[in-house]
Amino acid sequence: MWEWKELKEEIRRLARRIEELESLADRVARLEEEVMTGITDNPELHAYFAGKIGSEVRVDTASATLQGVVLTVAEDAVELRESGGDLLIIPFSRITSVQ
């Protein structure tokens, strides 16, 4: 009887471990896709810009500081309209800071 209980507990433990490993495999696959495509998932940045639609923001990248009104937010980029009317699409992967 005792061996049966130990066996059942071991099966439960192994089932939990399998779920953890499957979750890890999914995460690795998503990260590999981000690296291959250059499209990065950044829910915090997406939420920030979604809350700023219609407002002016400043976006810093490694090569420039850009300023404009947030028009729309995609999964991996933001679209701004500069004061001169130019439209900018800035990939999240290029953004170093925002204000």
C-alpha atoms as a PDB file:
ATOM      1  CA  MET A   1       0.000   0.000   0.000  1.00  0.00           C
ATOM      2  CA  TRP A   2       2.768   2.456   0.888  1.00  0.00           C
ATOM      3  CA  GLU A   3       4.567   1.861  -2.404  1.00  0.00           C
ATOM      4  CA  TRP A   4       1.366   2.675  -4.325  1.00  0.00           C
ATOM      5  CA  LYS A   5       1.082   6.080  -2.588  1.00  0.00           C
ATOM      6  CA  GLU A   6       4.725   6.833  -3.330  1.00  0.00           C
ATOM      7  CA  LEU A   7       4.229   5.848  -6.955  1.00  0.00           C
ATOM      8  CA  LYS A   8       1.152   8.074  -7.326  1.00  0.00           C
ATOM      9  CA  GLU A   9       3.029  11.032  -5.808  1.00  0.00           C
ATOM     10  CA  GLU A  10       5.985  10.434  -8.120  1.00  0.00           C
ATOM     11  CA  ILE A  11       3.624  10.389 -11.117  1.00  0.00           C
ATOM     12  CA  ARG A  12       2.097  13.723  -9.996  1.00  0.00           C
ATOM     13  CA  ARG A  13       5.560  15.220  -9.528  1.00  0.00           C
ATOM     14  CA  LEU A  14       6.656  14.076 -12.981  1.00  0.00           C
ATOM     15  CA  ALA A  15       3.445  15.413 -14.571  1.00  0.00           C
ATOM     16  CA  ARG A  16       4.112  18.851 -13.026  1.00  0.00           C
ATOM     17  CA  ARG A  17       7.694  18.727 -14.296  1.00  0.00           C
ATOM     18  CA  ILE A  18       6.503  17.868 -17.821  1.00  0.00           C
ATOM     19  CA  GLU A  19       4.152  20.896 -17.754  1.00  0.00           C
ATOM     20  CA  GLU A  20       7.059  23.126 -16.665  1.00  0.00           C
ATOM     21  CA  LEU A  21       9.290  21.803 -19.450  1.00  0.00           C
ATOM     22  CA  GLU A  22       6.579  22.253 -22.093  1.00  0.00           C
ATOM     23  CA  SER A  23       6.086  25.834 -20.918  1.00  0.00           C
ATOM     24  CA  LEU A  24       9.828  26.427 -21.138  1.00  0.00           C
ATOM     25  CA  ALA A  25       9.938  24.970 -24.655  1.00  0.00           C
ATOM     26  CA  ASP A  26       7.145  27.369 -25.728  1.00  0.00           C
ATOM     27  CA  ARG A  27       9.037  30.308 -24.251  1.00  0.00           C
ATOM     28  CA  VAL A  28      12.268  29.342 -26.028  1.00  0.00           C
ATOM     29  CA  ALA A  29      10.367  29.044 -29.325  1.00  0.00           C
ATOM     30  CA  ARG A  30       8.895  32.557 -28.869  1.00  0.00           C
ATOM     31  CA  LEU A  31      12.324  33.995 -28.068  1.00  0.00           C
ATOM     32  CA  GLU A  32      13.887  32.290 -31.085  1.00  0.00           C
ATOM     33  CA  GLU A  33      11.170  33.778 -33.296  1.00  0.00           C
ATOM     34  CA  GLU A  34      11.834  37.245 -31.849  1.00  0.00           C
ATOM     35  CA  VAL A  35      15.550  36.893 -32.567  1.00  0.00           C
ATOM     36  CA  MET A  36      14.987  35.636 -36.124  1.00  0.00           C
ATOM     37  CA  THR A  37      12.355  38.250 -37.064  1.00  0.00           C
ATOM     38  CA  GLY A  38      13.597  41.180 -35.010  1.00  0.00           C
ATOM     39  CA  ILE A  39      10.030  41.648 -33.745  1.00  0.00           C
ATOM     40  CA  THR A  40      10.152  41.916 -29.993  1.00  0.00           C
ATOM     41  CA  ASP A  41       7.222  41.415 -27.660  1.00  0.00           C
ATOM     42  CA  ASN A  42       7.093  44.295 -25.192  1.00  0.00           C
ATOM     43  CA  PRO A  43       3.676  44.473 -23.500  1.00  0.00           C
ATOM     44  CA  GLU A  44       4.756  47.262 -21.145  1.00  0.00           C
ATOM     45  CA  LEU A  45       5.865  49.530 -23.981  1.00  0.00           C
ATOM     46  CA  HIS A  46       2.730  48.666 -25.963  1.00  0.00           C
ATOM     47  CA  ALA A  47       0.524  49.563 -22.980  1.00  0.00           C
ATOM     48  CA  TYR A  48       2.423  52.817 -22.423  1.00  0.00           C
ATOM     49  CA  PHE A  49       1.941  53.983 -26.022  1.00  0.00           C
ATOM     50  CA  ALA A  50      -1.673  52.764 -26.126  1.00  0.00           C
ATOM     51  CA  GLY A  51      -2.353  55.059 -23.174  1.00  0.00           C
ATOM     52  CA  LYS A  52      -0.668  57.950 -25.005  1.00  0.00           C
ATOM     53  CA  ILE A  53      -2.632  57.807 -28.291  1.00  0.00           C
ATOM     54  CA  GLY A  54      -3.345  61.401 -29.260  1.00  0.00           C
ATOM     55  CA  SER A  55      -0.649  62.729 -26.933  1.00  0.00           C
ATOM     56  CA  GLU A  56       2.813  64.004 -27.719  1.00  0.00           C
ATOM     57  CA  VAL A  57       5.771  61.862 -26.645  1.00  0.00           C
ATOM     58  CA  ARG A  58       9.535  61.911 -26.982  1.00  0.00           C
ATOM     59  CA  VAL A  59      11.207  58.695 -28.100  1.00  0.00           C
ATOM     60  CA  ASP A  60      14.939  58.109 -27.851  1.00  0.00           C
ATOM     61  CA  THR A  61      16.751  55.594 -30.023  1.00  0.00           C
ATOM     62  CA  ALA A  62      20.467  54.889 -30.265  1.00  0.00           C
ATOM     63  CA  SER A  63      20.760  57.279 -33.209  1.00  0.00           C
ATOM     64  CA  ALA A  64      18.100  59.980 -32.685  1.00  0.00           C
ATOM     65  CA  THR A  65      15.601  61.666 -30.424  1.00  0.00           C
ATOM     66  CA  LEU A  66      12.156  61.829 -32.018  1.00  0.00           C
ATOM     67  CA  GLN A  67       9.082  63.724 -30.914  1.00  0.00           C
ATOM     68  CA  GLY A  68       5.507  63.509 -32.110  1.00  0.00           C
ATOM     69  CA  VAL A  69       1.891  62.609 -31.453  1.00  0.00           C
ATOM     70  CA  VAL A  70       1.138  58.916 -31.027  1.00  0.00           C
ATOM     71  CA  LEU A  71      -1.224  57.860 -33.826  1.00  0.00           C
ATOM     72  CA  THR A  72      -1.347  54.105 -33.420  1.00  0.00           C
ATOM     73  CA  VAL A  73       0.412  51.233 -31.706  1.00  0.00           C
ATOM     74  CA  ALA A  74       1.186  47.895 -33.329  1.00  0.00           C
ATOM     75  CA  GLU A  75       2.390  44.726 -31.655  1.00  0.00           C
ATOM     76  CA  ASP A  76       6.016  45.685 -32.220  1.00  0.00           C
ATOM     77  CA  ALA A  77       6.073  49.386 -33.179  1.00  0.00           C
ATOM     78  CA  VAL A  78       4.565  52.812 -32.635  1.00  0.00           C
ATOM     79  CA  GLU A  79       3.518  55.362 -35.250  1.00  0.00           C
ATOM     80  CA  LEU A  80       4.099  59.057 -34.532  1.00  0.00           C
ATOM     81  CA  ARG A  81       3.264  62.233 -36.443  1.00  0.00           C
ATOM     82  CA  GLU A  82       5.966  64.869 -36.100  1.00  0.00           C
ATOM     83  CA  SER A  83       5.045  68.557 -35.862  1.00  0.00           C
ATOM     84  CA  GLY A  84       5.985  69.012 -39.547  1.00  0.00           C
ATOM     85  CA  GLY A  85       3.517  66.295 -40.566  1.00  0.00           C
ATOM     86  CA  ASP A  86       6.018  63.501 -41.203  1.00  0.00           C
ATOM     87  CA  LEU A  87       4.920  60.041 -40.120  1.00  0.00           C
ATOM     88  CA  LEU A  88       7.364  57.844 -38.236  1.00  0.00           C
ATOM     89  CA  ILE A  89       7.126  54.143 -37.518  1.00  0.00           C
ATOM     90  CA  ILE A  90       9.491  53.210 -34.723  1.00  0.00           C
ATOM     91  CA  PRO A  91      10.093  49.523 -33.912  1.00  0.00           C
ATOM     92  CA  PHE A  92      10.075  48.783 -30.192  1.00  0.00           C
ATOM     93  CA  SER A  93      13.424  47.032 -30.620  1.00  0.00           C
ATOM     94  CA  ARG A  94      15.018  50.406 -31.483  1.00  0.00           C
ATOM     95  CA  ILE A  95      13.578  52.402 -28.569  1.00  0.00           C
ATOM     96  CA  THR A  96      15.961  53.120 -25.699  1.00  0.00           C
ATOM     97  CA  SER A  97      13.681  55.445 -23.668  1.00  0.00           C
ATOM     98  CA  VAL A  98      10.402  57.353 -23.848  1.00  0.00           C
ATOM     99  CA  GLN A  99       8.916  60.423 -22.174  1.00  0.00           C
END
